[in-house]
């Protein structure tokens, strides 16, 4: 079964990142490009590179821990990618 995954609206927590100051930061994904997430943290916005970290994504009580390298792709191209439960 093919599924399109759109990460906008997911809660995200940075578990590991090349910039140690961002580790532990959490927020909501508000925009996504091929290589970046734009997340809202409180009343500010951060742009983070997908490939530089490990993330915990939370949507409807489902927690996913994933390497950012596996997330690097255009959202529109993700329709053809298969995702396993």
C-alpha atoms as a PDB file:
ATOM      1  CA  UNK A   1       0.000   0.000   0.000  1.00  0.00           C
ATOM      2  CA  UNK A   2       1.379   3.423  -0.927  1.00  0.00           C
ATOM      3  CA  UNK A   3       0.940   6.313   1.450  1.00  0.00           C
ATOM      4  CA  UNK A   4       1.836   9.950   1.195  1.00  0.00           C
ATOM      5  CA  UNK A   5       3.370  11.351   4.337  1.00  0.00           C
ATOM      6  CA  UNK A   6       3.137  15.071   4.958  1.00  0.00           C
ATOM      7  CA  UNK A   7       5.021  16.122   8.102  1.00  0.00           C
ATOM      8  CA  UNK A   8       3.381  19.546   8.480  1.00  0.00           C
ATOM      9  CA  UNK A   9       1.559  19.623  11.810  1.00  0.00           C
ATOM     10  CA  UNK A  10       3.665  16.859  13.385  1.00  0.00           C
ATOM     11  CA  UNK A  11       5.279  17.532  16.753  1.00  0.00           C
ATOM     12  CA  UNK A  12       9.046  17.147  16.464  1.00  0.00           C
ATOM     13  CA  UNK A  13      11.774  16.756  19.068  1.00  0.00           C
ATOM     14  CA  UNK A  14      15.457  16.933  18.161  1.00  0.00           C
ATOM     15  CA  UNK A  15      17.211  13.967  19.774  1.00  0.00           C
ATOM     16  CA  UNK A  16      20.596  14.448  18.136  1.00  0.00           C
ATOM     17  CA  UNK A  17      21.959  17.240  15.961  1.00  0.00           C
ATOM     18  CA  UNK A  18      25.250  18.611  14.663  1.00  0.00           C
ATOM     19  CA  UNK A  19      24.638  21.762  16.749  1.00  0.00           C
ATOM     20  CA  UNK A  20      24.415  20.557  20.375  1.00  0.00           C
ATOM     21  CA  UNK A  21      22.484  23.683  21.437  1.00  0.00           C
ATOM     22  CA  UNK A  22      19.431  22.415  19.508  1.00  0.00           C
ATOM     23  CA  UNK A  23      19.335  18.959  21.134  1.00  0.00           C
ATOM     24  CA  UNK A  24      16.142  18.623  23.170  1.00  0.00           C
ATOM     25  CA  UNK A  25      14.350  21.380  21.260  1.00  0.00           C
ATOM     26  CA  UNK A  26      10.760  20.537  20.405  1.00  0.00           C
ATOM     27  CA  UNK A  27       8.096  22.251  18.379  1.00  0.00           C
ATOM     28  CA  UNK A  28       5.610  21.845  15.534  1.00  0.00           C
ATOM     29  CA  UNK A  29       6.575  21.509  11.872  1.00  0.00           C
ATOM     30  CA  UNK A  30       5.003  24.388   9.947  1.00  0.00           C
ATOM     31  CA  UNK A  31       6.845  24.114   6.607  1.00  0.00           C
ATOM     32  CA  UNK A  32       9.003  21.563   4.829  1.00  0.00           C
ATOM     33  CA  UNK A  33      11.363  21.589   1.859  1.00  0.00           C
ATOM     34  CA  UNK A  34      13.548  18.837   0.429  1.00  0.00           C
ATOM     35  CA  UNK A  35      16.351  19.480   2.916  1.00  0.00           C
ATOM     36  CA  UNK A  36      14.837  21.468   5.780  1.00  0.00           C
ATOM     37  CA  UNK A  37      12.089  21.660   8.360  1.00  0.00           C
ATOM     38  CA  UNK A  38      10.719  24.985   9.577  1.00  0.00           C
ATOM     39  CA  UNK A  39       9.502  24.472  13.132  1.00  0.00           C
ATOM     40  CA  UNK A  40       7.647  26.733  15.534  1.00  0.00           C
ATOM     41  CA  UNK A  41       9.180  26.742  19.000  1.00  0.00           C
ATOM     42  CA  UNK A  42       7.158  28.910  21.345  1.00  0.00           C
ATOM     43  CA  UNK A  43       6.812  32.237  19.574  1.00  0.00           C
ATOM     44  CA  UNK A  44       9.872  31.865  17.296  1.00  0.00           C
ATOM     45  CA  UNK A  45      10.646  29.851  14.180  1.00  0.00           C
ATOM     46  CA  UNK A  46      13.717  27.704  13.488  1.00  0.00           C
ATOM     47  CA  UNK A  47      14.893  26.269  10.188  1.00  0.00           C
ATOM     48  CA  UNK A  48      16.781  23.023  10.676  1.00  0.00           C
ATOM     49  CA  UNK A  49      18.526  20.771   8.178  1.00  0.00           C
ATOM     50  CA  UNK A  50      16.953  17.311   7.991  1.00  0.00           C
ATOM     51  CA  UNK A  51      20.199  15.438   7.314  1.00  0.00           C
ATOM     52  CA  UNK A  52      22.020  16.789  10.391  1.00  0.00           C
ATOM     53  CA  UNK A  53      20.093  14.976  13.091  1.00  0.00           C
ATOM     54  CA  UNK A  54      17.900  12.333  14.654  1.00  0.00           C
ATOM     55  CA  UNK A  55      14.308  13.237  15.385  1.00  0.00           C
ATOM     56  CA  UNK A  56      11.287  12.000  17.270  1.00  0.00           C
ATOM     57  CA  UNK A  57       8.085  12.698  15.355  1.00  0.00           C
ATOM     58  CA  UNK A  58       4.775  12.546  17.204  1.00  0.00           C
ATOM     59  CA  UNK A  59       1.406  12.469  15.493  1.00  0.00           C
ATOM     60  CA  UNK A  60      -1.793  11.184  17.034  1.00  0.00           C
ATOM     61  CA  UNK A  61       0.063   9.386  19.838  1.00  0.00           C
ATOM     62  CA  UNK A  62       2.367   7.595  17.392  1.00  0.00           C
ATOM     63  CA  UNK A  63       6.051   8.204  18.152  1.00  0.00           C
ATOM     64  CA  UNK A  64       8.610   7.637  15.402  1.00  0.00           C
ATOM     65  CA  UNK A  65      12.353   7.982  15.923  1.00  0.00           C
ATOM     66  CA  UNK A  66      14.124   8.436  12.599  1.00  0.00           C
ATOM     67  CA  UNK A  67      17.390   9.625  11.133  1.00  0.00           C
ATOM     68  CA  UNK A  68      17.115  12.843   9.178  1.00  0.00           C
ATOM     69  CA  UNK A  69      18.974  11.256   6.238  1.00  0.00           C
ATOM     70  CA  UNK A  70      15.916   9.086   5.597  1.00  0.00           C
ATOM     71  CA  UNK A  71      13.680  12.157   5.466  1.00  0.00           C
ATOM     72  CA  UNK A  72      15.598  14.030   2.754  1.00  0.00           C
ATOM     73  CA  UNK A  73      13.247  14.160  -0.235  1.00  0.00           C
ATOM     74  CA  UNK A  74      10.734  16.522  -1.722  1.00  0.00           C
ATOM     75  CA  UNK A  75       7.330  16.173  -0.060  1.00  0.00           C
ATOM     76  CA  UNK A  76       5.704  15.809  -3.482  1.00  0.00           C
ATOM     77  CA  UNK A  77       8.019  12.902  -4.383  1.00  0.00           C
ATOM     78  CA  UNK A  78       7.236  11.034  -1.178  1.00  0.00           C
ATOM     79  CA  UNK A  79       4.015   9.691  -2.709  1.00  0.00           C
ATOM     80  CA  UNK A  80       5.971   6.957  -4.492  1.00  0.00           C
ATOM     81  CA  UNK A  81       7.966   5.916  -1.422  1.00  0.00           C
ATOM     82  CA  UNK A  82       6.790   2.944   0.592  1.00  0.00           C
ATOM     83  CA  UNK A  83       6.628   3.301   4.348  1.00  0.00           C
ATOM     84  CA  UNK A  84       6.351   0.292   6.623  1.00  0.00           C
ATOM     85  CA  UNK A  85       4.439   0.336   9.863  1.00  0.00           C
END
